[in-house]
Amino acid sequence: MEKKTSSTGPSSSAKHHFYDIAQKVVEQIRSEKDSEAHREFRSHSGNIQKKSRDAYIFGIEHPGSTGVIYTTDRATKLGFRPDDPTWANFGQGAPEVGHIDGCMDKPTHIEIPLASLEYAPVAGCTELRSAVANLYNEIYRKNKTSKYTAENVCIVPGGRAGMTRVASVIADVEVGYFLPEYTAYEQMLSIFKRFVPIPTSLDEEVDYSVDSETLRKHISGCGISLIVRSNPSNPTGTLVEGEELKKMIQVGRDRHATMVFDEFYSAYIYSHDESQNGRTVSAAEFIDDVNTDNVVIVDGLTKNFRLPGWRICWVVGPKRVINAVEAAGSFSDGGANHPLQLAAVPMLQPETYRNEAKALQRHFRMKRDIVLKRLKEMGFVVRKPPRATFYIWLDLSALPPPINAGLVFFEECLKEKTILVPGIFFDINPAHRRELFDSPCHHFVRLSFGPPLDDLMRGLDGMQRVINKFKKV
C-alpha cells in the first residue's frame, strides 16, 4: 500500500514553495497589466515579451530602443519639440552646447578642403589620430616610456559606434559588466551572439562601485575574459580613480582579462577641493605598455568638448586591437565625417583641453548643487551625490505609489512637460531574463543636469507638481 505523505512533510513544503513562486509571477504580471505606463512600454517594438505574427516580420527582430530614444519618442507624441521652451528635458544625454564662461567658443562654420569631400580612412585621418595620441601622452603619460602613436587610435562616428565596433570583435568569451550601466550597452551586448554577457548588480551600500578585489573574484569566479565599464559611471556618477583604478588595471593584467573603459565623462569631475578643478581621469595613466596591456578606452568630442552633433569619437588601445576595430568599421559604419575630423584637430591641444575642463567643472558643479538642493527641498534623499558626470541617480522609493515606480513617474512627468529616463533602462538585461518589477533599477530615474539652468528649474517645477498631485490623493 502506498504511504501517504503528511501535509507537513517535504512534499507539501515543496508544493507550497512552487505555489509561492507562481503567485509571485501572477502578481508581477498583474502589476504590469494594471499599470498604464507599463502597458505603454510593452506596446513598443522590442519591448514585447511574447513574439507573435502580428508583432514581428519573419526574419527580422527589433533590438529595442535605448532609454533616451524611448523617452524622447514618448514625449514627442505628447507635443515635445527640442526648441519648445515650455518643455524641460532631464533625459538629455548630452551637455548644453551654448556659451559657458571660460570655455572655448565652438566653431559655427569650418573650412572644407576639396580632399575632405572624399571618404576619410576607416581608421580616421592621421592628423586627428596623432592629435588624440598626443593628448593622452601629454595629460596622462608624461613620464612614461611607452607612448601612444596614431596607430593606437581609431576615429569612429560616435561613442555608440565605437562601443559597437569593439563589441563586434569580441571573441567567443564571457563578458562582465556591472549594473546599473549605460542604456545602449543592452543593444550592444544583445546583437552580437558570440560572447556571453554576465552582469553583476551594484547598489548604494557599495556606492555603486566595484573595488579591485571584487573585480578579481568576479573575473576568476565567472571565467570573465573581458570587462566593460563606464568610468565615470553613467547613470550613478560614481568614479574610480587613483590607486583603486591602478589596482583594477593590474587585476586585468594578472588575470589576462581585457578592460574596456567608456570614459566619455572623464572631464566632469567634482573634487571636494575646487582648487583641483581641471583634473581629469583616464585608465591611460596606469597602463605600463600601450601595446601589451589589454586596456581599451573609448571617448570623444561628444561630452568633454560639448559637440555631440559632430559624432567624432575615438577608440584608444593596443595596435592589434585598433587594427581589428578598423576592420570592423569597414563593414559596419564606414568611418567618421571627414571635414569635421580635420576641424577637430586644433581642439585637442592639451592646454586647451585643461582649460576647457576647468570651466566645465566650475559650471556643472554649480548646476549640480542647485539641483541637489532643490531635490532635498522636495523631499528626496540623494545619499550618493554624483562625484562625476552630469547625472543624478534618483531613488523614488519614498514617494507614494504608484509614482514610486520609474516608468510611472516618467509618464506623470511627461504630463508636466518634463522628461526623465526610467531606471529600468539602465538594468542591462540583454536576454530580457528579468521581469520589470524584479529589476533593482525599477524605483529609480536618471535625471540629467546637462541642460541649461533655466531648463533645469522648469523641470524641477514640473516634478514638484507631480509630487503635489499624488500627495493629495
Protein backbone atom coordinates (compact mmCIF):
# COMPACT_ATOMS: atom_id res chain seq x y z
CA MET A 1 0.00 0.00 0.00
CA GLU A 2 1.33 3.43 -0.96
CA LYS A 3 2.31 5.53 2.02
CA LYS A 4 0.56 8.88 2.23
CA THR A 5 2.65 11.95 2.66
CA SER A 6 1.97 14.09 5.69
CA SER A 7 0.64 17.56 4.96
CA THR A 8 3.58 18.87 6.96
CA GLY A 9 6.18 16.77 5.15
CA PRO A 10 8.71 17.71 2.48
CA SER A 11 6.31 17.19 -0.43
CA SER A 12 3.84 19.70 0.98
CA SER A 13 6.64 22.14 1.65
CA ALA A 14 7.86 21.86 -1.92
CA LYS A 15 4.30 22.31 -3.20
CA HIS A 16 3.87 25.48 -1.18
CA HIS A 17 7.25 26.72 -2.39
CA PHE A 18 6.24 26.36 -6.03
CA TYR A 19 2.83 27.88 -5.26
CA ASP A 20 4.52 30.94 -3.77
CA ILE A 21 6.68 31.30 -6.88
CA ALA A 22 3.62 31.01 -9.13
CA GLN A 23 1.76 33.59 -7.07
CA LYS A 24 4.71 35.95 -7.27
CA VAL A 25 4.76 35.64 -11.07
CA VAL A 26 0.99 36.23 -11.24
CA GLU A 27 1.33 39.31 -9.05
CA GLN A 28 4.11 40.69 -11.26
CA ILE A 29 2.07 40.16 -14.41
CA ARG A 30 -0.95 41.75 -12.78
CA SER A 31 1.17 44.70 -11.68
CA GLU A 32 2.28 45.38 -15.26
CA LYS A 33 -1.23 44.82 -16.59
CA ASP A 34 -2.70 47.27 -14.10
CA SER A 35 -0.17 50.00 -14.92
CA GLU A 36 -0.83 52.16 -17.95
CA ALA A 37 2.84 53.21 -18.00
CA HIS A 38 3.99 49.58 -18.16
CA ARG A 39 1.42 48.65 -20.80
CA GLU A 40 2.67 51.56 -22.89
CA PHE A 41 6.25 50.37 -22.50
CA ARG A 42 5.34 46.81 -23.55
CA SER A 43 3.45 48.08 -26.61
CA HIS A 44 6.65 49.34 -28.24
CA SER A 45 8.55 47.12 -30.66
CA GLY A 46 11.49 45.49 -28.93
CA ASN A 47 9.81 45.57 -25.50
CA ILE A 48 7.15 42.95 -26.29
CA GLN A 49 7.51 39.83 -24.14
CA LYS A 50 5.80 37.26 -26.38
CA LYS A 51 6.52 37.03 -30.07
CA SER A 52 3.52 36.93 -32.37
CA ARG A 53 2.89 37.12 -36.09
CA ASP A 54 1.24 40.48 -35.58
CA ALA A 55 4.27 41.96 -33.81
CA TYR A 56 7.12 40.56 -35.90
CA ILE A 57 8.16 40.39 -39.53
CA PHE A 58 9.63 36.95 -40.17
CA GLY A 59 13.40 37.02 -40.19
CA ILE A 60 13.57 40.50 -38.58
CA GLU A 61 13.98 41.05 -34.84
CA HIS A 62 13.59 44.52 -33.34
CA PRO A 63 16.52 45.25 -30.98
CA GLY A 64 14.54 47.70 -28.84
CA SER A 65 15.34 51.35 -28.25
CA THR A 66 17.74 52.92 -25.79
CA GLY A 67 16.21 54.72 -22.84
CA VAL A 68 16.81 58.19 -24.26
CA ILE A 69 15.22 57.28 -27.60
CA TYR A 70 12.18 55.71 -25.93
CA THR A 71 11.60 58.66 -23.63
CA THR A 72 12.05 61.18 -26.44
CA ASP A 73 9.60 59.25 -28.65
CA ARG A 74 7.00 59.22 -25.88
CA ALA A 75 7.49 62.95 -25.23
CA THR A 76 7.24 63.75 -28.95
CA LYS A 77 3.83 62.06 -29.09
CA LEU A 78 2.73 64.47 -26.37
CA GLY A 79 3.96 67.54 -28.25
CA PHE A 80 7.65 67.82 -27.28
CA ARG A 81 9.97 69.59 -29.69
CA PRO A 82 13.64 70.29 -28.89
CA ASP A 83 13.16 74.02 -29.48
CA ASP A 84 9.96 74.28 -27.41
CA PRO A 85 10.83 76.46 -24.36
CA THR A 86 7.88 75.10 -22.35
CA TRP A 87 9.50 71.65 -22.02
CA ALA A 88 12.37 70.57 -19.75
CA ASN A 89 14.49 67.64 -20.88
CA PHE A 90 16.09 65.93 -17.88
CA GLY A 91 16.51 62.88 -20.11
CA GLN A 92 19.10 64.66 -22.24
CA GLY A 93 22.21 62.51 -22.52
CA ALA A 94 24.34 65.44 -23.66
CA PRO A 95 25.64 68.67 -22.12
CA GLU A 96 24.39 72.12 -23.04
CA VAL A 97 26.21 73.34 -26.15
CA GLY A 98 25.85 77.12 -25.76
CA HIS A 99 28.22 79.65 -24.23
CA ILE A 100 29.81 78.83 -20.87
CA ASP A 101 32.13 81.37 -19.24
CA GLY A 102 35.73 80.24 -19.64
CA CYS A 103 35.01 77.58 -22.28
CA MET A 104 36.24 77.94 -25.83
CA ASP A 105 33.74 79.22 -28.34
CA LYS A 106 32.55 76.50 -30.67
CA PRO A 107 33.05 77.00 -34.42
CA THR A 108 29.91 77.97 -36.31
CA HIS A 109 31.45 77.28 -39.72
CA ILE A 110 34.55 75.42 -40.92
CA GLU A 111 36.78 75.26 -43.96
CA ILE A 112 36.15 72.20 -46.12
CA PRO A 113 39.22 71.31 -48.19
CA LEU A 114 38.48 69.65 -51.52
CA ALA A 115 40.24 66.45 -50.43
CA SER A 116 37.94 66.12 -47.44
CA LEU A 117 34.98 65.60 -49.78
CA GLU A 118 36.35 62.11 -50.30
CA TYR A 119 35.84 59.31 -47.79
CA ALA A 120 38.17 59.50 -44.83
CA PRO A 121 40.22 56.39 -43.98
CA VAL A 122 38.11 53.94 -41.95
CA ALA A 123 40.53 54.33 -39.03
CA GLY A 124 40.32 58.12 -39.28
CA CYS A 125 42.52 60.94 -40.51
CA THR A 126 46.14 60.59 -39.48
CA GLU A 127 46.19 64.21 -38.24
CA LEU A 128 43.39 63.60 -35.77
CA ARG A 129 44.67 60.18 -34.71
CA SER A 130 48.04 61.77 -33.93
CA ALA A 131 46.37 64.63 -32.02
CA VAL A 132 44.43 62.17 -29.85
CA ALA A 133 47.59 60.16 -29.13
CA ASN A 134 49.46 63.33 -28.20
CA LEU A 135 46.63 64.45 -25.88
CA TYR A 136 46.77 61.21 -23.88
CA ASN A 137 50.57 61.23 -23.79
CA GLU A 138 50.72 64.82 -22.52
CA ILE A 139 47.89 64.58 -19.97
CA TYR A 140 48.37 61.05 -18.63
CA ARG A 141 51.69 59.60 -19.83
CA LYS A 142 54.17 62.44 -19.49
CA ASN A 143 56.66 60.34 -17.51
CA LYS A 144 56.00 57.01 -19.24
CA THR A 145 58.43 55.40 -21.66
CA SER A 146 55.67 53.73 -23.66
CA LYS A 147 53.70 56.31 -25.67
CA TYR A 148 50.63 56.20 -27.86
CA THR A 149 51.00 56.87 -31.58
CA ALA A 150 48.45 57.34 -34.35
CA GLU A 151 48.45 53.54 -34.76
CA ASN A 152 46.95 53.24 -31.27
CA VAL A 153 43.93 55.37 -32.21
CA CYS A 154 40.86 54.69 -34.34
CA ILE A 155 38.43 57.54 -35.07
CA VAL A 156 34.77 56.46 -35.03
CA PRO A 157 31.42 58.15 -35.86
CA GLY A 158 30.16 58.48 -32.29
CA GLY A 159 30.52 56.68 -28.98
CA ARG A 160 27.92 54.03 -29.76
CA ALA A 161 29.75 53.24 -32.99
CA GLY A 162 32.99 52.91 -31.04
CA MET A 163 31.50 50.54 -28.48
CA THR A 164 29.72 48.58 -31.21
CA ARG A 165 32.94 48.19 -33.18
CA VAL A 166 34.65 46.88 -30.04
CA ALA A 167 31.74 44.50 -29.38
CA SER A 168 31.89 43.20 -32.95
CA VAL A 169 35.46 41.97 -32.47
CA ILE A 170 34.94 40.31 -29.09
CA ALA A 171 35.60 36.57 -29.36
CA ASP A 172 33.54 33.67 -28.01
CA VAL A 173 34.11 34.56 -24.36
CA GLU A 174 32.31 35.65 -21.18
CA VAL A 175 31.92 39.44 -20.90
CA GLY A 176 31.41 41.03 -17.48
CA TYR A 177 29.61 44.27 -16.72
CA PHE A 178 28.07 45.97 -13.69
CA LEU A 179 24.57 47.31 -13.07
CA PRO A 180 23.27 49.94 -13.41
CA GLU A 181 25.03 50.85 -16.64
CA TYR A 182 24.66 52.95 -19.81
CA THR A 183 21.45 52.01 -21.64
CA ALA A 184 22.98 51.46 -25.11
CA TYR A 185 25.06 48.59 -23.73
CA GLU A 186 21.91 46.43 -23.79
CA GLN A 187 21.70 46.51 -27.57
CA MET A 188 25.46 46.19 -27.92
CA LEU A 189 25.52 43.12 -25.66
CA SER A 190 22.46 41.61 -27.38
CA ILE A 191 23.22 41.94 -31.06
CA PHE A 192 26.49 40.00 -31.11
CA LYS A 193 25.78 36.36 -30.25
CA ARG A 194 29.31 35.01 -29.94
CA PHE A 195 30.02 36.16 -26.40
CA VAL A 196 28.05 35.63 -23.18
CA PRO A 197 27.24 38.79 -21.15
CA ILE A 198 27.40 38.23 -17.37
CA PRO A 199 26.02 41.03 -15.15
CA THR A 200 26.76 41.89 -11.53
CA SER A 201 24.39 44.23 -9.66
CA LEU A 202 25.81 47.04 -7.55
CA ASP A 203 23.87 49.08 -5.01
CA GLU A 204 24.06 52.15 -2.82
CA GLU A 205 25.76 50.26 0.02
CA VAL A 206 28.89 49.85 -2.11
CA ASP A 207 28.49 53.31 -3.69
CA TYR A 208 27.57 51.62 -6.99
CA SER A 209 31.25 50.91 -7.37
CA VAL A 210 33.37 47.80 -7.68
CA ASP A 211 36.76 47.54 -5.99
CA SER A 212 39.74 45.66 -7.33
CA GLU A 213 39.30 42.63 -5.05
CA THR A 214 35.65 42.22 -6.05
CA LEU A 215 36.72 42.56 -9.66
CA ARG A 216 39.35 39.85 -9.20
CA LYS A 217 36.76 37.45 -7.72
CA HIS A 218 34.27 38.28 -10.49
CA ILE A 219 36.81 37.56 -13.23
CA SER A 220 38.11 34.36 -11.64
CA GLY A 221 34.77 33.02 -10.43
CA CYS A 222 32.89 33.54 -13.71
CA GLY A 223 35.73 32.95 -16.15
CA ILE A 224 35.47 36.51 -17.45
CA SER A 225 37.75 37.42 -20.37
CA LEU A 226 36.60 40.99 -20.92
CA ILE A 227 35.11 43.71 -18.68
CA VAL A 228 33.07 46.66 -19.95
CA ARG A 229 32.75 49.60 -17.56
CA SER A 230 31.84 53.27 -17.84
CA ASN A 231 34.16 55.38 -15.68
CA PRO A 232 32.93 57.88 -14.60
CA SER A 233 29.72 55.90 -14.39
CA ASN A 234 26.54 56.65 -16.31
CA PRO A 235 23.98 56.81 -14.60
CA THR A 236 25.24 56.88 -11.00
CA GLY A 237 28.01 59.49 -11.26
CA THR A 238 30.46 57.28 -9.35
CA LEU A 239 34.16 57.41 -10.12
CA VAL A 240 37.13 55.05 -9.81
CA GLU A 241 40.45 56.88 -9.81
CA GLY A 242 43.96 56.91 -8.40
CA GLU A 243 45.28 53.80 -6.67
CA GLU A 244 42.00 51.90 -6.99
CA LEU A 245 41.93 52.41 -10.77
CA LYS A 246 45.57 51.36 -10.91
CA LYS A 247 44.73 48.17 -8.97
CA MET A 248 41.83 47.37 -11.31
CA ILE A 249 44.13 47.56 -14.31
CA GLN A 250 46.63 45.34 -12.51
CA VAL A 251 43.85 42.79 -11.89
CA GLY A 252 43.11 42.72 -15.61
CA ARG A 253 46.81 42.30 -16.31
CA ASP A 254 47.17 39.47 -13.77
CA ARG A 255 44.03 37.63 -14.83
CA HIS A 256 44.57 38.12 -18.59
CA ALA A 257 41.27 39.98 -18.93
CA THR A 258 40.77 42.87 -21.34
CA MET A 259 39.38 46.05 -19.76
CA VAL A 260 37.18 48.30 -21.93
CA PHE A 261 36.64 51.72 -20.35
CA ASP A 262 33.95 54.11 -21.54
CA GLU A 263 35.47 57.45 -20.45
CA PHE A 264 33.05 59.91 -22.03
CA TYR A 265 32.61 61.85 -18.77
CA SER A 266 36.29 61.99 -17.85
CA ALA A 267 36.29 65.81 -17.67
CA TYR A 268 33.15 66.08 -15.49
CA ILE A 269 34.90 65.52 -12.16
CA TYR A 270 33.80 67.35 -9.00
CA SER A 271 36.62 67.43 -6.45
CA HIS A 272 35.94 68.32 -2.83
CA ASP A 273 38.62 70.95 -3.25
CA GLU A 274 37.67 73.33 -6.05
CA SER A 275 41.34 74.30 -6.44
CA GLN A 276 41.70 70.93 -8.19
CA ASN A 277 39.34 71.97 -10.96
CA GLY A 278 40.67 70.88 -14.33
CA ARG A 279 41.88 67.42 -13.34
CA THR A 280 40.59 64.59 -15.50
CA VAL A 281 40.65 60.81 -15.15
CA SER A 282 41.71 58.05 -17.54
CA ALA A 283 42.92 54.49 -17.38
CA ALA A 284 45.69 55.65 -19.73
CA GLU A 285 47.55 56.96 -16.69
CA PHE A 286 48.15 53.45 -15.31
CA ILE A 287 48.97 51.48 -18.45
CA ASP A 288 52.55 50.16 -18.50
CA ASP A 289 52.87 49.32 -22.18
CA VAL A 290 50.30 50.71 -24.61
CA ASN A 291 50.68 47.71 -26.93
CA THR A 292 50.75 44.82 -24.45
CA ASP A 293 48.38 45.93 -21.68
CA ASN A 294 44.86 44.79 -22.57
CA VAL A 295 43.17 48.15 -21.95
CA VAL A 296 40.83 49.81 -24.45
CA ILE A 297 39.50 53.36 -23.99
CA VAL A 298 36.52 54.92 -25.77
CA ASP A 299 35.96 58.71 -25.65
CA GLY A 300 35.39 61.65 -27.95
CA LEU A 301 34.15 65.18 -28.56
CA THR A 302 30.57 64.38 -27.51
CA LYS A 303 30.63 65.19 -23.79
CA ASN A 304 34.01 66.62 -22.79
CA PHE A 305 34.10 69.02 -25.75
CA ARG A 306 30.30 69.55 -25.82
CA LEU A 307 29.98 68.68 -29.51
CA PRO A 308 27.51 65.77 -29.57
CA GLY A 309 26.25 66.61 -33.06
CA TRP A 310 29.71 66.21 -34.60
CA ARG A 311 29.82 62.47 -33.93
CA ILE A 312 33.63 62.47 -33.72
CA CYS A 313 34.94 59.96 -31.18
CA TRP A 314 37.83 57.54 -30.80
CA VAL A 315 38.98 54.17 -29.58
CA VAL A 316 42.45 54.04 -28.00
CA GLY A 317 44.27 50.78 -27.34
CA PRO A 318 46.96 48.31 -28.40
CA LYS A 319 47.77 48.34 -32.13
CA ARG A 320 46.34 44.83 -32.60
CA VAL A 321 43.01 45.95 -31.14
CA ILE A 322 42.95 49.08 -33.28
CA ASN A 323 43.61 47.00 -36.40
CA ALA A 324 40.62 44.80 -35.53
CA VAL A 325 38.37 47.78 -34.76
CA GLU A 326 39.37 49.41 -38.05
CA ALA A 327 38.44 46.22 -39.94
CA ALA A 328 35.07 46.14 -38.17
CA GLY A 329 34.40 49.69 -39.33
CA SER A 330 34.94 48.70 -42.94
CA PHE A 331 31.73 46.63 -42.90
CA SER A 332 29.72 48.38 -40.17
CA ASP A 333 29.78 52.18 -40.36
CA GLY A 334 32.47 53.09 -42.90
CA GLY A 335 34.14 55.74 -40.77
CA ALA A 336 33.62 59.23 -39.36
CA ASN A 337 32.84 62.54 -41.04
CA HIS A 338 35.95 63.71 -42.92
CA PRO A 339 35.69 67.54 -42.71
CA LEU A 340 34.78 67.51 -39.01
CA GLN A 341 37.75 65.27 -38.20
CA LEU A 342 40.06 67.92 -39.63
CA ALA A 343 38.20 70.70 -37.80
CA ALA A 344 38.63 68.82 -34.51
CA VAL A 345 42.43 68.70 -34.60
CA PRO A 346 43.10 72.18 -33.08
CA MET A 347 40.70 71.49 -30.20
CA LEU A 348 42.82 68.63 -28.90
CA GLN A 349 45.74 70.76 -27.78
CA PRO A 350 46.48 69.62 -24.19
CA GLU A 351 46.38 73.12 -22.70
CA THR A 352 43.09 73.88 -24.44
CA TYR A 353 41.65 70.67 -23.01
CA ARG A 354 42.81 71.51 -19.47
CA ASN A 355 41.26 74.98 -19.62
CA GLU A 356 38.02 73.57 -21.00
CA ALA A 357 37.84 71.05 -18.14
CA LYS A 358 38.30 73.78 -15.52
CA ALA A 359 35.45 75.87 -16.88
CA LEU A 360 33.21 72.83 -17.37
CA GLN A 361 33.69 71.66 -13.81
CA ARG A 362 33.01 75.08 -12.33
CA HIS A 363 29.79 75.49 -14.32
CA PHE A 364 28.41 71.97 -13.92
CA ARG A 365 29.26 71.83 -10.21
CA MET A 366 27.12 74.94 -9.79
CA LYS A 367 24.20 73.28 -11.61
CA ARG A 368 24.63 70.02 -9.70
CA ASP A 369 24.50 71.77 -6.33
CA ILE A 370 21.42 73.81 -7.25
CA VAL A 371 19.54 70.71 -8.42
CA LEU A 372 20.55 68.68 -5.35
CA LYS A 373 19.37 71.48 -3.05
CA ARG A 374 16.02 71.68 -4.79
CA LEU A 375 15.58 67.89 -4.72
CA LYS A 376 16.22 67.90 -0.97
CA GLU A 377 13.56 70.58 -0.53
CA MET A 378 11.16 68.36 -2.49
CA GLY A 379 11.76 65.50 -0.03
CA PHE A 380 14.21 63.38 -2.00
CA VAL A 381 17.20 61.85 -0.23
CA VAL A 382 20.24 61.61 -2.51
CA ARG A 383 22.64 59.66 -0.32
CA LYS A 384 25.29 59.39 -3.01
CA PRO A 385 25.59 62.74 -4.82
CA PRO A 386 27.40 62.34 -8.15
CA ARG A 387 31.17 62.79 -7.96
CA ALA A 388 31.30 62.96 -11.75
CA THR A 389 29.14 63.10 -14.95
CA PHE A 390 26.05 65.33 -15.13
CA TYR A 391 23.54 62.76 -13.87
CA ILE A 392 21.71 62.11 -10.62
CA TRP A 393 20.54 58.54 -9.93
CA LEU A 394 17.30 59.41 -8.17
CA ASP A 395 15.61 56.94 -5.81
CA LEU A 396 11.80 57.24 -5.92
CA SER A 397 11.03 54.57 -3.32
CA ALA A 398 9.95 57.13 -0.68
CA LEU A 399 7.28 58.59 -2.97
CA PRO A 400 3.66 57.44 -2.68
CA PRO A 401 2.56 54.68 -5.06
CA PRO A 402 2.22 54.48 -8.00
CA ILE A 403 4.80 57.24 -8.70
CA ASN A 404 7.45 55.34 -6.75
CA ALA A 405 7.99 53.29 -9.94
CA GLY A 406 10.29 54.85 -12.51
CA LEU A 407 8.07 54.23 -15.55
CA VAL A 408 5.01 55.68 -13.82
CA PHE A 409 6.86 58.75 -12.53
CA PHE A 410 8.26 59.29 -16.01
CA GLU A 411 4.77 59.20 -17.60
CA GLU A 412 3.35 61.57 -14.99
CA CYS A 413 6.24 63.99 -15.50
CA LEU A 414 5.53 63.98 -19.26
CA LYS A 415 2.11 65.42 -18.45
CA GLU A 416 4.00 68.31 -16.84
CA LYS A 417 6.29 68.67 -19.88
CA THR A 418 9.29 67.21 -18.06
CA ILE A 419 11.37 64.31 -19.43
CA LEU A 420 13.42 61.84 -17.35
CA VAL A 421 14.75 58.35 -18.09
CA PRO A 422 13.22 55.44 -16.12
CA GLY A 423 15.80 53.41 -14.22
CA ILE A 424 14.86 50.09 -15.83
CA PHE A 425 16.72 51.14 -18.98
CA PHE A 426 19.96 51.01 -17.01
CA ASP A 427 19.28 47.44 -15.90
CA ILE A 428 21.18 45.97 -18.82
CA ASN A 429 19.20 42.80 -19.40
CA PRO A 430 20.16 41.51 -22.89
CA ALA A 431 18.07 38.34 -22.92
CA HIS A 432 15.17 40.02 -21.07
CA ARG A 433 15.64 37.45 -18.34
CA ARG A 434 14.07 39.65 -15.68
CA GLU A 435 10.53 40.93 -15.17
CA LEU A 436 10.31 44.70 -14.86
CA PHE A 437 9.17 44.56 -11.24
CA ASP A 438 12.18 42.40 -10.34
CA SER A 439 14.63 44.96 -11.63
CA PRO A 440 16.87 46.56 -8.99
CA CYS A 441 16.51 49.77 -11.01
CA HIS A 442 12.71 49.78 -11.05
CA HIS A 443 12.34 52.53 -8.42
CA PHE A 444 14.86 54.89 -9.97
CA VAL A 445 15.04 57.54 -12.67
CA ARG A 446 18.09 59.21 -14.15
CA LEU A 447 17.99 62.98 -14.02
CA SER A 448 20.42 64.91 -16.22
CA PHE A 449 21.66 68.35 -15.23
CA GLY A 450 23.25 68.64 -18.66
CA PRO A 451 20.72 71.24 -20.00
CA PRO A 452 20.91 74.98 -19.25
CA LEU A 453 19.95 76.13 -15.75
CA ASP A 454 16.62 77.69 -16.80
CA ASP A 455 15.54 74.33 -18.26
CA LEU A 456 16.54 72.57 -15.04
CA MET A 457 14.45 74.90 -12.88
CA ARG A 458 11.45 74.45 -15.17
CA GLY A 459 11.80 70.67 -14.95
CA LEU A 460 12.11 70.71 -11.17
CA ASP A 461 8.90 72.73 -11.02
CA GLY A 462 7.22 70.02 -13.14
CA MET A 463 8.44 67.28 -10.81
CA GLN A 464 7.12 69.24 -7.83
CA ARG A 465 3.66 69.44 -9.41
CA VAL A 466 3.62 65.66 -9.91
CA ILE A 467 4.54 65.06 -6.26
CA ASN A 468 1.94 67.56 -5.06
CA LYS A 469 -0.75 65.91 -7.19
CA PHE A 470 -0.17 62.47 -5.69
CA LYS A 471 0.23 63.72 -2.15
CA LYS A 472 -3.37 64.94 -2.34
CA VAL A 473 -4.69 61.55 -3.43
